[in-house]
Amino acid sequence: MMKNIKIKIEKLKYFFPIICKMVKFRIKVWWYKKYGNKR
């Protein structure tokens, strides 16, 4: 059980920055699509 949690945490440490970048990019694209034309 503990080993699985440790492996998951290690994977999260590696994937978290990538996921953050993807989410930020998605929000940016969505923001520009929704509000970019109104300026």
PDB file of N, CA and C in Angstrom:
ATOM      1  N   MET A   1       0.843  -1.204   0.000  1.00  0.00           N
ATOM      2  CA  MET A   1       0.000   0.000   0.000  1.00  0.00           C
ATOM      3  C   MET A   1       0.882   1.260   0.000  1.00  0.00           C
ATOM      4  N   MET A   2       1.818   1.331   0.931  1.00  0.00           N
ATOM      5  CA  MET A   2       2.677   2.519   1.019  1.00  0.00           C
ATOM      6  C   MET A   2       3.522   2.690  -0.236  1.00  0.00           C
ATOM      7  N   LYS A   3       3.977   1.577  -0.796  1.00  0.00           N
ATOM      8  CA  LYS A   3       4.804   1.662  -2.006  1.00  0.00           C
ATOM      9  C   LYS A   3       4.010   2.289  -3.145  1.00  0.00           C
ATOM     10  N   ASN A   4       2.751   1.873  -3.290  1.00  0.00           N
ATOM     11  CA  ASN A   4       1.913   2.424  -4.353  1.00  0.00           C
ATOM     12  C   ASN A   4       1.740   3.926  -4.184  1.00  0.00           C
ATOM     13  N   ILE A   5       1.524   4.364  -2.961  1.00  0.00           N
ATOM     14  CA  ILE A   5       1.339   5.796  -2.705  1.00  0.00           C
ATOM     15  C   ILE A   5       2.620   6.547  -3.053  1.00  0.00           C
ATOM     16  N   LYS A   6       3.773   5.988  -2.678  1.00  0.00           N
ATOM     17  CA  LYS A   6       5.051   6.639  -2.978  1.00  0.00           C
ATOM     18  C   LYS A   6       5.236   6.773  -4.480  1.00  0.00           C
ATOM     19  N   ILE A   7       4.921   5.712  -5.223  1.00  0.00           N
ATOM     20  CA  ILE A   7       5.070   5.750  -6.682  1.00  0.00           C
ATOM     21  C   ILE A   7       4.135   6.813  -7.258  1.00  0.00           C
ATOM     22  N   LYS A   8       2.904   6.872  -6.751  1.00  0.00           N
ATOM     23  CA  LYS A   8       1.948   7.869  -7.241  1.00  0.00           C
ATOM     24  C   LYS A   8       2.455   9.277  -6.983  1.00  0.00           C
ATOM     25  N   ILE A   9       3.031   9.507  -5.812  1.00  0.00           N
ATOM     26  CA  ILE A   9       3.544  10.844  -5.488  1.00  0.00           C
ATOM     27  C   ILE A   9       4.695  11.191  -6.427  1.00  0.00           C
ATOM     28  N   GLU A  10       5.583  10.230  -6.694  1.00  0.00           N
ATOM     29  CA  GLU A  10       6.706  10.477  -7.612  1.00  0.00           C
ATOM     30  C   GLU A  10       6.173  10.839  -8.992  1.00  0.00           C
ATOM     31  N   LYS A  11       5.175  10.102  -9.458  1.00  0.00           N
ATOM     32  CA  LYS A  11       4.591  10.384 -10.774  1.00  0.00           C
ATOM     33  C   LYS A  11       3.948  11.764 -10.785  1.00  0.00           C
ATOM     34  N   LEU A  12       3.246  12.105  -9.687  1.00  0.00           N
ATOM     35  CA  LEU A  12       2.611  13.419  -9.604  1.00  0.00           C
ATOM     36  C   LEU A  12       3.656  14.526  -9.675  1.00  0.00           C
ATOM     37  N   LYS A  13       4.779  14.342  -8.968  1.00  0.00           N
ATOM     38  CA  LYS A  13       5.849  15.344  -9.000  1.00  0.00           C
ATOM     39  C   LYS A  13       6.308  15.572 -10.431  1.00  0.00           C
ATOM     40  N   TYR A  14       6.334  14.496 -11.227  1.00  0.00           N
ATOM     41  CA  TYR A  14       6.802  14.624 -12.605  1.00  0.00           C
ATOM     42  C   TYR A  14       5.734  15.215 -13.517  1.00  0.00           C
ATOM     43  N   PHE A  15       4.503  14.772 -13.338  1.00  0.00           N
ATOM     44  CA  PHE A  15       3.443  15.173 -14.272  1.00  0.00           C
ATOM     45  C   PHE A  15       2.781  16.494 -13.915  1.00  0.00           C
ATOM     46  N   PHE A  16       2.884  16.915 -12.654  1.00  0.00           N
ATOM     47  CA  PHE A  16       2.133  18.097 -12.204  1.00  0.00           C
ATOM     48  C   PHE A  16       2.484  19.352 -12.992  1.00  0.00           C
ATOM     49  N   PRO A  17       3.782  19.662 -13.225  1.00  0.00           N
ATOM     50  CA  PRO A  17       4.107  20.858 -14.014  1.00  0.00           C
ATOM     51  C   PRO A  17       3.535  20.795 -15.425  1.00  0.00           C
ATOM     52  N   ILE A  18       3.575  19.599 -16.029  1.00  0.00           N
ATOM     53  CA  ILE A  18       3.053  19.446 -17.390  1.00  0.00           C
ATOM     54  C   ILE A  18       1.551  19.685 -17.399  1.00  0.00           C
ATOM     55  N   ILE A  19       0.862  19.101 -16.424  1.00  0.00           N
ATOM     56  CA  ILE A  19      -0.597  19.271 -16.341  1.00  0.00           C
ATOM     57  C   ILE A  19      -0.934  20.746 -16.112  1.00  0.00           C
ATOM     58  N   CYS A  20      -0.154  21.404 -15.240  1.00  0.00           N
ATOM     59  CA  CYS A  20      -0.401  22.825 -14.970  1.00  0.00           C
ATOM     60  C   CYS A  20      -0.268  23.640 -16.251  1.00  0.00           C
ATOM     61  N   LYS A  21       0.783  23.369 -17.023  1.00  0.00           N
ATOM     62  CA  LYS A  21       0.979  24.102 -18.275  1.00  0.00           C
ATOM     63  C   LYS A  21      -0.185  23.869 -19.224  1.00  0.00           C
ATOM     64  N   MET A  22      -0.631  22.607 -19.319  1.00  0.00           N
ATOM     65  CA  MET A  22      -1.733  22.290 -20.226  1.00  0.00           C
ATOM     66  C   MET A  22      -3.005  23.002 -19.793  1.00  0.00           C
ATOM     67  N   VAL A  23      -3.274  22.988 -18.479  1.00  0.00           N
ATOM     68  CA  VAL A  23      -4.499  23.617 -17.971  1.00  0.00           C
ATOM     69  C   VAL A  23      -4.447  25.122 -18.213  1.00  0.00           C
ATOM     70  N   LYS A  24      -3.294  25.742 -17.926  1.00  0.00           N
ATOM     71  CA  LYS A  24      -3.164  27.183 -18.148  1.00  0.00           C
ATOM     72  C   LYS A  24      -3.375  27.509 -19.617  1.00  0.00           C
ATOM     73  N   PHE A  25      -2.813  26.680 -20.504  1.00  0.00           N
ATOM     74  CA  PHE A  25      -2.966  26.921 -21.937  1.00  0.00           C
ATOM     75  C   PHE A  25      -4.429  26.796 -22.343  1.00  0.00           C
ATOM     76  N   ARG A  26      -5.105  25.777 -21.809  1.00  0.00           N
ATOM     77  CA  ARG A  26      -6.526  25.583 -22.126  1.00  0.00           C
ATOM     78  C   ARG A  26      -7.336  26.794 -21.683  1.00  0.00           C
ATOM     79  N   ILE A  27      -7.075  27.289 -20.459  1.00  0.00           N
ATOM     80  CA  ILE A  27      -7.814  28.441 -19.939  1.00  0.00           C
ATOM     81  C   ILE A  27      -7.544  29.659 -20.814  1.00  0.00           C
ATOM     82  N   LYS A  28      -6.282  29.835 -21.227  1.00  0.00           N
ATOM     83  CA  LYS A  28      -5.938  30.974 -22.090  1.00  0.00           C
ATOM     84  C   LYS A  28      -6.714  30.917 -23.393  1.00  0.00           C
ATOM     85  N   VAL A  29      -6.725  29.743 -24.024  1.00  0.00           N
ATOM     86  CA  VAL A  29      -7.434  29.591 -25.303  1.00  0.00           C
ATOM     87  C   VAL A  29      -8.912  29.863 -25.100  1.00  0.00           C
ATOM     88  N   TRP A  30      -9.476  29.282 -24.014  1.00  0.00           N
ATOM     89  CA  TRP A  30     -10.900  29.489 -23.750  1.00  0.00           C
ATOM     90  C   TRP A  30     -11.182  30.960 -23.495  1.00  0.00           C
ATOM     91  N   TRP A  31     -10.305  31.633 -22.750  1.00  0.00           N
ATOM     92  CA  TRP A  31     -10.495  33.047 -22.421  1.00  0.00           C
ATOM     93  C   TRP A  31     -10.482  33.890 -23.692  1.00  0.00           C
ATOM     94  N   TYR A  32      -9.508  33.616 -24.579  1.00  0.00           N
ATOM     95  CA  TYR A  32      -9.418  34.405 -25.817  1.00  0.00           C
ATOM     96  C   TYR A  32     -10.626  34.162 -26.706  1.00  0.00           C
ATOM     97  N   LYS A  33     -11.102  32.919 -26.741  1.00  0.00           N
ATOM     98  CA  LYS A  33     -12.280  32.629 -27.559  1.00  0.00           C
ATOM     99  C   LYS A  33     -13.504  33.345 -27.014  1.00  0.00           C
ATOM    100  N   LYS A  34     -13.608  33.424 -25.676  1.00  0.00           N
ATOM    101  CA  LYS A  34     -14.811  34.006 -25.078  1.00  0.00           C
ATOM    102  C   LYS A  34     -14.735  35.528 -25.045  1.00  0.00           C
ATOM    103  N   TYR A  35     -13.571  36.069 -24.664  1.00  0.00           N
ATOM    104  CA  TYR A  35     -13.468  37.506 -24.403  1.00  0.00           C
ATOM    105  C   TYR A  35     -12.555  38.245 -25.363  1.00  0.00           C
ATOM    106  N   GLY A  36     -11.798  37.505 -26.183  1.00  0.00           N
ATOM    107  CA  GLY A  36     -10.813  38.151 -27.050  1.00  0.00           C
ATOM    108  C   GLY A  36     -11.447  39.047 -28.105  1.00  0.00           C
ATOM    109  N   ASN A  37     -12.626  38.679 -28.604  1.00  0.00           N
ATOM    110  CA  ASN A  37     -13.244  39.423 -29.694  1.00  0.00           C
ATOM    111  C   ASN A  37     -13.915  40.704 -29.224  1.00  0.00           C
ATOM    112  N   LYS A  38     -14.203  40.810 -27.936  1.00  0.00           N
ATOM    113  CA  LYS A  38     -14.998  41.934 -27.442  1.00  0.00           C
ATOM    114  C   LYS A  38     -14.170  43.184 -27.207  1.00  0.00           C
ATOM    115  N   ARG A  39     -12.837  43.064 -27.206  1.00  0.00           N
ATOM    116  CA  ARG A  39     -12.002  44.230 -26.914  1.00  0.00           C
ATOM    117  C   ARG A  39     -11.977  45.185 -28.082  1.00  0.00           C
TER     118      ARG A  39
END
